[in-house]
């Protein structure tokens, strides 16, 4: 059963577990369960994805309960009228604050502007040697993407050499292997913590939805001693 974070007559938000696909996809033929199907069965009515988050990302996932709200919310996401906050655990000591202004390439080769702001909340140094280093360093960051490009946060943190732990596509293979072998962890440590937006139907209402951390992320927080 999915954890429902918010619901009214037009919208519903869940805390999506890491590893759960939003909907059926030809690039993930191994998947047998999908958030959209589980939620439909759970509440007994049709739901419409208002946006997407990666399969490996946990946290706030918003659905519409009618077509009008779906169109309105998708438009709000496209026009960057939805404020988003993410938490991530990355390799190394990240800067206190930083703005990553780095264009990202679409599948067709077109470059798109992409902007991410983040601040570092906590740092940890573990007595775990890796490669030529006697210890391992990590940072907990709060990221606020200002644009909504595919894999934006994953690519941006890799670009500044602080890849997200557990990101097999854009991350650090040595770190991912360490977490798997030492702590039996394969969770990508990226969590969609908060969405905030003006209600698409009742324009006077500001909706803010927060998602508690999922077990895999909490395990990593405990390892770090935070």
C-alpha atoms as a PDB file:
ATOM      1  CA  UNK A   1       0.000   0.000   0.000  1.00  0.00           C
ATOM      2  CA  UNK A   2       1.283   3.447  -0.930  1.00  0.00           C
ATOM      3  CA  UNK A   3       1.688   6.219   1.628  1.00  0.00           C
ATOM      4  CA  UNK A   4      -0.756   9.001   0.676  1.00  0.00           C
ATOM      5  CA  UNK A   5       0.635  12.410   1.647  1.00  0.00           C
ATOM      6  CA  UNK A   6      -2.111  14.705   0.342  1.00  0.00           C
ATOM      7  CA  UNK A   7      -5.535  14.362  -1.205  1.00  0.00           C
ATOM      8  CA  UNK A   8      -8.459  16.528  -2.210  1.00  0.00           C
ATOM      9  CA  UNK A   9     -11.090  16.182  -4.931  1.00  0.00           C
ATOM     10  CA  UNK A  10      -8.622  17.115  -7.705  1.00  0.00           C
ATOM     11  CA  UNK A  11      -5.159  15.913  -6.641  1.00  0.00           C
ATOM     12  CA  UNK A  12      -3.447  13.134  -4.728  1.00  0.00           C
ATOM     13  CA  UNK A  13       0.218  12.811  -3.749  1.00  0.00           C
ATOM     14  CA  UNK A  14       2.112   9.739  -2.576  1.00  0.00           C
ATOM     15  CA  UNK A  15       5.519   9.011  -1.112  1.00  0.00           C
ATOM     16  CA  UNK A  16       6.905   6.878  -3.925  1.00  0.00           C
ATOM     17  CA  UNK A  17       9.342   4.162  -2.819  1.00  0.00           C
ATOM     18  CA  UNK A  18      12.767   4.013  -4.449  1.00  0.00           C
ATOM     19  CA  UNK A  19      12.694   1.541  -7.340  1.00  0.00           C
ATOM     20  CA  UNK A  20       8.997   1.862  -8.197  1.00  0.00           C
ATOM     21  CA  UNK A  21       8.183   2.951 -11.740  1.00  0.00           C
ATOM     22  CA  UNK A  22       5.534   5.623 -12.224  1.00  0.00           C
ATOM     23  CA  UNK A  23       3.988   3.731 -15.146  1.00  0.00           C
ATOM     24  CA  UNK A  24       4.773   0.954 -17.604  1.00  0.00           C
ATOM     25  CA  UNK A  25       7.840   1.654 -19.730  1.00  0.00           C
ATOM     26  CA  UNK A  26       9.462  -0.250 -22.617  1.00  0.00           C
ATOM     27  CA  UNK A  27      12.914   0.509 -21.166  1.00  0.00           C
ATOM     28  CA  UNK A  28      12.062  -1.296 -17.913  1.00  0.00           C
ATOM     29  CA  UNK A  29      10.515  -4.542 -19.086  1.00  0.00           C
ATOM     30  CA  UNK A  30      11.488  -6.241 -15.814  1.00  0.00           C
ATOM     31  CA  UNK A  31       9.010  -4.192 -13.781  1.00  0.00           C
ATOM     32  CA  UNK A  32       5.748  -5.806 -12.708  1.00  0.00           C
ATOM     33  CA  UNK A  33       4.382  -3.072 -10.448  1.00  0.00           C
ATOM     34  CA  UNK A  34       3.725   0.587 -11.225  1.00  0.00           C
ATOM     35  CA  UNK A  35       2.730   3.487  -9.001  1.00  0.00           C
ATOM     36  CA  UNK A  36      -0.183   4.489 -11.207  1.00  0.00           C
ATOM     37  CA  UNK A  37      -1.678   0.958 -11.144  1.00  0.00           C
ATOM     38  CA  UNK A  38      -1.141   0.442  -7.402  1.00  0.00           C
ATOM     39  CA  UNK A  39      -2.692   3.802  -6.552  1.00  0.00           C
ATOM     40  CA  UNK A  40      -5.699   3.230  -8.832  1.00  0.00           C
ATOM     41  CA  UNK A  41      -6.376  -0.086  -7.108  1.00  0.00           C
ATOM     42  CA  UNK A  42      -5.788   1.409  -3.651  1.00  0.00           C
ATOM     43  CA  UNK A  43      -8.267   4.307  -3.964  1.00  0.00           C
ATOM     44  CA  UNK A  44     -10.627   2.697  -6.469  1.00  0.00           C
ATOM     45  CA  UNK A  45     -10.515   5.390  -9.127  1.00  0.00           C
ATOM     46  CA  UNK A  46      -8.494   6.491 -12.121  1.00  0.00           C
ATOM     47  CA  UNK A  47      -5.434   8.685 -11.566  1.00  0.00           C
ATOM     48  CA  UNK A  48      -3.320  10.697 -14.000  1.00  0.00           C
ATOM     49  CA  UNK A  49       0.409  11.430 -13.508  1.00  0.00           C
ATOM     50  CA  UNK A  50       0.984  15.176 -13.130  1.00  0.00           C
ATOM     51  CA  UNK A  51       4.764  14.768 -13.544  1.00  0.00           C
ATOM     52  CA  UNK A  52       7.494  12.119 -13.446  1.00  0.00           C
ATOM     53  CA  UNK A  53      10.325  11.211 -11.121  1.00  0.00           C
ATOM     54  CA  UNK A  54      12.979   8.586 -11.832  1.00  0.00           C
ATOM     55  CA  UNK A  55      12.354   4.979 -10.946  1.00  0.00           C
ATOM     56  CA  UNK A  56      15.256   5.016  -8.474  1.00  0.00           C
ATOM     57  CA  UNK A  57      14.217   8.319  -6.856  1.00  0.00           C
ATOM     58  CA  UNK A  58      11.906   8.236  -3.832  1.00  0.00           C
ATOM     59  CA  UNK A  59       9.580  10.908  -2.504  1.00  0.00           C
ATOM     60  CA  UNK A  60       6.680  13.142  -3.511  1.00  0.00           C
ATOM     61  CA  UNK A  61       4.835  12.011  -6.625  1.00  0.00           C
ATOM     62  CA  UNK A  62       1.723  13.947  -7.635  1.00  0.00           C
ATOM     63  CA  UNK A  63      -1.285  12.630  -9.542  1.00  0.00           C
ATOM     64  CA  UNK A  64      -4.448  14.334 -10.774  1.00  0.00           C
ATOM     65  CA  UNK A  65      -7.872  12.825 -10.221  1.00  0.00           C
ATOM     66  CA  UNK A  66      -9.454  14.398 -13.307  1.00  0.00           C
ATOM     67  CA  UNK A  67      -8.297  15.458 -16.769  1.00  0.00           C
ATOM     68  CA  UNK A  68      -8.682  19.197 -16.118  1.00  0.00           C
ATOM     69  CA  UNK A  69      -6.359  19.060 -13.135  1.00  0.00           C
ATOM     70  CA  UNK A  70      -3.922  16.837 -15.036  1.00  0.00           C
ATOM     71  CA  UNK A  71      -3.583  19.339 -17.881  1.00  0.00           C
ATOM     72  CA  UNK A  72      -3.302  22.293 -15.492  1.00  0.00           C
ATOM     73  CA  UNK A  73      -0.625  20.655 -13.321  1.00  0.00           C
ATOM     74  CA  UNK A  74       1.408  19.407 -16.270  1.00  0.00           C
ATOM     75  CA  UNK A  75       1.375  22.961 -17.610  1.00  0.00           C
ATOM     76  CA  UNK A  76       2.514  24.280 -14.232  1.00  0.00           C
ATOM     77  CA  UNK A  77       5.442  21.844 -14.189  1.00  0.00           C
ATOM     78  CA  UNK A  78       6.381  22.742 -17.776  1.00  0.00           C
ATOM     79  CA  UNK A  79       6.359  26.453 -16.933  1.00  0.00           C
ATOM     80  CA  UNK A  80       8.403  25.921 -13.732  1.00  0.00           C
ATOM     81  CA  UNK A  81       5.592  27.191 -11.515  1.00  0.00           C
ATOM     82  CA  UNK A  82       6.101  24.291  -9.112  1.00  0.00           C
ATOM     83  CA  UNK A  83       8.749  24.672  -6.425  1.00  0.00           C
ATOM     84  CA  UNK A  84      10.715  21.455  -5.849  1.00  0.00           C
ATOM     85  CA  UNK A  85      13.137  20.463  -3.113  1.00  0.00           C
ATOM     86  CA  UNK A  86      15.259  17.323  -3.118  1.00  0.00           C
ATOM     87  CA  UNK A  87      17.632  15.752  -0.639  1.00  0.00           C
ATOM     88  CA  UNK A  88      20.663  13.830  -1.884  1.00  0.00           C
ATOM     89  CA  UNK A  89      23.749  12.203  -0.426  1.00  0.00           C
ATOM     90  CA  UNK A  90      26.725  12.859  -2.658  1.00  0.00           C
ATOM     91  CA  UNK A  91      30.376  11.888  -2.761  1.00  0.00           C
ATOM     92  CA  UNK A  92      32.882  14.234  -1.128  1.00  0.00           C
ATOM     93  CA  UNK A  93      32.541  17.522   0.703  1.00  0.00           C
ATOM     94  CA  UNK A  94      30.234  19.651  -1.432  1.00  0.00           C
ATOM     95  CA  UNK A  95      30.437  23.480  -1.319  1.00  0.00           C
ATOM     96  CA  UNK A  96      28.323  25.253   1.304  1.00  0.00           C
ATOM     97  CA  UNK A  97      26.160  26.711  -1.474  1.00  0.00           C
ATOM     98  CA  UNK A  98      26.373  26.622  -5.253  1.00  0.00           C
ATOM     99  CA  UNK A  99      24.479  27.340  -8.433  1.00  0.00           C
ATOM    100  CA  UNK A 100      25.023  24.845 -11.255  1.00  0.00           C
ATOM    101  CA  UNK A 101      24.269  26.511 -14.563  1.00  0.00           C
ATOM    102  CA  UNK A 102      25.103  23.791 -17.068  1.00  0.00           C
ATOM    103  CA  UNK A 103      23.076  23.015 -20.221  1.00  0.00           C
ATOM    104  CA  UNK A 104      21.997  19.411 -20.731  1.00  0.00           C
ATOM    105  CA  UNK A 105      21.610  17.596 -24.021  1.00  0.00           C
ATOM    106  CA  UNK A 106      18.327  15.962 -25.022  1.00  0.00           C
ATOM    107  CA  UNK A 107      18.221  12.562 -26.714  1.00  0.00           C
ATOM    108  CA  UNK A 108      17.940  14.304 -30.114  1.00  0.00           C
ATOM    109  CA  UNK A 109      21.134  16.259 -29.413  1.00  0.00           C
ATOM    110  CA  UNK A 110      19.502  19.604 -28.644  1.00  0.00           C
ATOM    111  CA  UNK A 111      20.984  21.542 -25.732  1.00  0.00           C
ATOM    112  CA  UNK A 112      18.613  22.830 -23.046  1.00  0.00           C
ATOM    113  CA  UNK A 113      19.342  25.371 -20.346  1.00  0.00           C
ATOM    114  CA  UNK A 114      19.483  23.719 -16.933  1.00  0.00           C
ATOM    115  CA  UNK A 115      19.899  25.418 -13.570  1.00  0.00           C
ATOM    116  CA  UNK A 116      20.183  23.874 -10.100  1.00  0.00           C
ATOM    117  CA  UNK A 117      20.773  25.592  -6.779  1.00  0.00           C
ATOM    118  CA  UNK A 118      21.836  23.665  -3.712  1.00  0.00           C
ATOM    119  CA  UNK A 119      23.137  24.057  -0.198  1.00  0.00           C
ATOM    120  CA  UNK A 120      25.017  21.569   1.934  1.00  0.00           C
ATOM    121  CA  UNK A 121      23.226  20.602   5.138  1.00  0.00           C
ATOM    122  CA  UNK A 122      25.648  18.086   6.674  1.00  0.00           C
ATOM    123  CA  UNK A 123      29.001  16.435   6.023  1.00  0.00           C
ATOM    124  CA  UNK A 124      30.468  13.139   7.200  1.00  0.00           C
ATOM    125  CA  UNK A 125      33.885  11.499   7.094  1.00  0.00           C
ATOM    126  CA  UNK A 126      33.802   7.744   7.606  1.00  0.00           C
ATOM    127  CA  UNK A 127      36.748   5.614   8.642  1.00  0.00           C
ATOM    128  CA  UNK A 128      36.323   3.563   5.478  1.00  0.00           C
ATOM    129  CA  UNK A 129      39.262   3.521   3.048  1.00  0.00           C
ATOM    130  CA  UNK A 130      38.515   3.679  -0.664  1.00  0.00           C
ATOM    131  CA  UNK A 131      41.118   3.696  -3.411  1.00  0.00           C
ATOM    132  CA  UNK A 132      44.001   6.002  -2.488  1.00  0.00           C
ATOM    133  CA  UNK A 133      41.990   7.674   0.299  1.00  0.00           C
ATOM    134  CA  UNK A 134      42.171   6.523   3.926  1.00  0.00           C
ATOM    135  CA  UNK A 135      38.647   7.743   4.649  1.00  0.00           C
ATOM    136  CA  UNK A 136      35.412   8.358   2.725  1.00  0.00           C
ATOM    137  CA  UNK A 137      33.664  11.727   2.689  1.00  0.00           C
ATOM    138  CA  UNK A 138      30.022  12.500   1.968  1.00  0.00           C
ATOM    139  CA  UNK A 139      27.610  15.421   1.993  1.00  0.00           C
ATOM    140  CA  UNK A 140      23.869  15.754   2.509  1.00  0.00           C
ATOM    141  CA  UNK A 141      22.605  18.444   0.138  1.00  0.00           C
ATOM    142  CA  UNK A 142      19.267  20.168  -0.391  1.00  0.00           C
ATOM    143  CA  UNK A 143      18.776  20.863  -4.090  1.00  0.00           C
ATOM    144  CA  UNK A 144      16.201  23.128  -5.719  1.00  0.00           C
ATOM    145  CA  UNK A 145      16.144  22.604  -9.489  1.00  0.00           C
ATOM    146  CA  UNK A 146      15.068  25.762 -11.313  1.00  0.00           C
ATOM    147  CA  UNK A 147      14.417  23.838 -14.525  1.00  0.00           C
ATOM    148  CA  UNK A 148      12.968  20.381 -15.074  1.00  0.00           C
ATOM    149  CA  UNK A 149      15.299  18.466 -17.366  1.00  0.00           C
ATOM    150  CA  UNK A 150      15.589  14.690 -17.481  1.00  0.00           C
ATOM    151  CA  UNK A 151      18.029  13.407 -14.841  1.00  0.00           C
ATOM    152  CA  UNK A 152      18.968  17.036 -14.164  1.00  0.00           C
ATOM    153  CA  UNK A 153      20.138  16.611 -10.580  1.00  0.00           C
ATOM    154  CA  UNK A 154      21.963  13.387 -11.321  1.00  0.00           C
ATOM    155  CA  UNK A 155      23.825  14.943 -14.237  1.00  0.00           C
ATOM    156  CA  UNK A 156      24.515  18.237 -12.483  1.00  0.00           C
ATOM    157  CA  UNK A 157      26.031  16.671  -9.372  1.00  0.00           C
ATOM    158  CA  UNK A 158      28.138  14.369 -11.533  1.00  0.00           C
ATOM    159  CA  UNK A 159      29.268  17.438 -13.505  1.00  0.00           C
ATOM    160  CA  UNK A 160      30.700  19.087 -10.369  1.00  0.00           C
ATOM    161  CA  UNK A 161      32.350  15.802  -9.288  1.00  0.00           C
ATOM    162  CA  UNK A 162      29.967  15.169  -6.394  1.00  0.00           C
ATOM    163  CA  UNK A 163      27.882  12.344  -7.886  1.00  0.00           C
ATOM    164  CA  UNK A 164      24.826  11.020  -6.069  1.00  0.00           C
ATOM    165  CA  UNK A 165      25.485   7.762  -4.245  1.00  0.00           C
ATOM    166  CA  UNK A 166      23.710   4.807  -5.869  1.00  0.00           C
ATOM    167  CA  UNK A 167      23.383   6.459  -9.284  1.00  0.00           C
ATOM    168  CA  UNK A 168      24.603   3.712 -11.596  1.00  0.00           C
ATOM    169  CA  UNK A 169      24.238   5.761 -14.785  1.00  0.00           C
ATOM    170  CA  UNK A 170      25.891   9.042 -13.818  1.00  0.00           C
ATOM    171  CA  UNK A 171      27.526   8.187 -10.503  1.00  0.00           C
ATOM    172  CA  UNK A 172      30.751   6.715  -9.160  1.00  0.00           C
ATOM    173  CA  UNK A 173      31.103   2.970  -9.706  1.00  0.00           C
ATOM    174  CA  UNK A 174      33.618   2.614  -6.862  1.00  0.00           C
ATOM    175  CA  UNK A 175      31.303   4.284  -4.352  1.00  0.00           C
ATOM    176  CA  UNK A 176      28.288   2.325  -5.546  1.00  0.00           C
ATOM    177  CA  UNK A 177      30.257  -0.914  -5.202  1.00  0.00           C
ATOM    178  CA  UNK A 178      31.360   0.084  -1.687  1.00  0.00           C
ATOM    179  CA  UNK A 179      27.791   0.709  -0.540  1.00  0.00           C
ATOM    180  CA  UNK A 180      26.613  -2.572  -2.040  1.00  0.00           C
ATOM    181  CA  UNK A 181      29.398  -4.718  -0.605  1.00  0.00           C
ATOM    182  CA  UNK A 182      29.858  -3.074   2.829  1.00  0.00           C
ATOM    183  CA  UNK A 183      26.278  -2.101   3.665  1.00  0.00           C
ATOM    184  CA  UNK A 184      24.217  -4.141   1.165  1.00  0.00           C
ATOM    185  CA  UNK A 185      22.762  -0.902  -0.178  1.00  0.00           C
ATOM    186  CA  UNK A 186      21.810  -0.185  -3.790  1.00  0.00           C
ATOM    187  CA  UNK A 187      19.324   2.638  -3.187  1.00  0.00           C
ATOM    188  CA  UNK A 188      19.986   5.786  -5.184  1.00  0.00           C
ATOM    189  CA  UNK A 189      20.180   8.403  -2.447  1.00  0.00           C
ATOM    190  CA  UNK A 190      17.963  11.015  -4.066  1.00  0.00           C
ATOM    191  CA  UNK A 191      14.681  11.956  -2.390  1.00  0.00           C
ATOM    192  CA  UNK A 192      11.975  14.295  -3.665  1.00  0.00           C
ATOM    193  CA  UNK A 193      11.304  16.022  -0.355  1.00  0.00           C
ATOM    194  CA  UNK A 194       8.809  18.752  -1.200  1.00  0.00           C
ATOM    195  CA  UNK A 195       6.482  20.155  -3.852  1.00  0.00           C
ATOM    196  CA  UNK A 196       4.823  23.540  -3.506  1.00  0.00           C
ATOM    197  CA  UNK A 197       2.390  25.065  -6.007  1.00  0.00           C
ATOM    198  CA  UNK A 198      -0.767  27.067  -6.490  1.00  0.00           C
ATOM    199  CA  UNK A 199      -3.769  24.754  -6.664  1.00  0.00           C
ATOM    200  CA  UNK A 200      -4.682  24.335 -10.362  1.00  0.00           C
ATOM    201  CA  UNK A 201      -8.434  24.673  -9.775  1.00  0.00           C
ATOM    202  CA  UNK A 202      -8.678  26.742  -6.609  1.00  0.00           C
ATOM    203  CA  UNK A 203      -6.073  29.381  -7.464  1.00  0.00           C
ATOM    204  CA  UNK A 204      -6.218  30.964  -4.009  1.00  0.00           C
ATOM    205  CA  UNK A 205      -4.766  27.881  -2.300  1.00  0.00           C
ATOM    206  CA  UNK A 206      -1.030  27.217  -1.970  1.00  0.00           C
ATOM    207  CA  UNK A 207      -0.394  23.488  -1.647  1.00  0.00           C
ATOM    208  CA  UNK A 208       2.826  22.228  -0.037  1.00  0.00           C
ATOM    209  CA  UNK A 209       3.453  18.486   0.160  1.00  0.00           C
ATOM    210  CA  UNK A 210       6.345  16.985   2.134  1.00  0.00           C
ATOM    211  CA  UNK A 211       7.529  13.376   2.024  1.00  0.00           C
ATOM    212  CA  UNK A 212       9.337  11.591   4.879  1.00  0.00           C
ATOM    213  CA  UNK A 213      12.553   9.799   3.964  1.00  0.00           C
ATOM    214  CA  UNK A 214      12.250   6.213   2.763  1.00  0.00           C
ATOM    215  CA  UNK A 215      13.984   3.324   4.632  1.00  0.00           C
ATOM    216  CA  UNK A 216      16.967   3.081   2.261  1.00  0.00           C
ATOM    217  CA  UNK A 217      17.771   6.762   2.631  1.00  0.00           C
ATOM    218  CA  UNK A 218      17.296   6.560   6.403  1.00  0.00           C
ATOM    219  CA  UNK A 219      19.773   3.676   6.505  1.00  0.00           C
ATOM    220  CA  UNK A 220      22.375   5.855   4.788  1.00  0.00           C
ATOM    221  CA  UNK A 221      21.664   8.735   7.192  1.00  0.00           C
ATOM    222  CA  UNK A 222      22.316   6.363  10.089  1.00  0.00           C
ATOM    223  CA  UNK A 223      25.569   5.152   8.518  1.00  0.00           C
ATOM    224  CA  UNK A 224      26.708   8.781   8.254  1.00  0.00           C
ATOM    225  CA  UNK A 225      25.888   9.412  11.910  1.00  0.00           C
ATOM    226  CA  UNK A 226      23.546  12.319  11.132  1.00  0.00           C
END
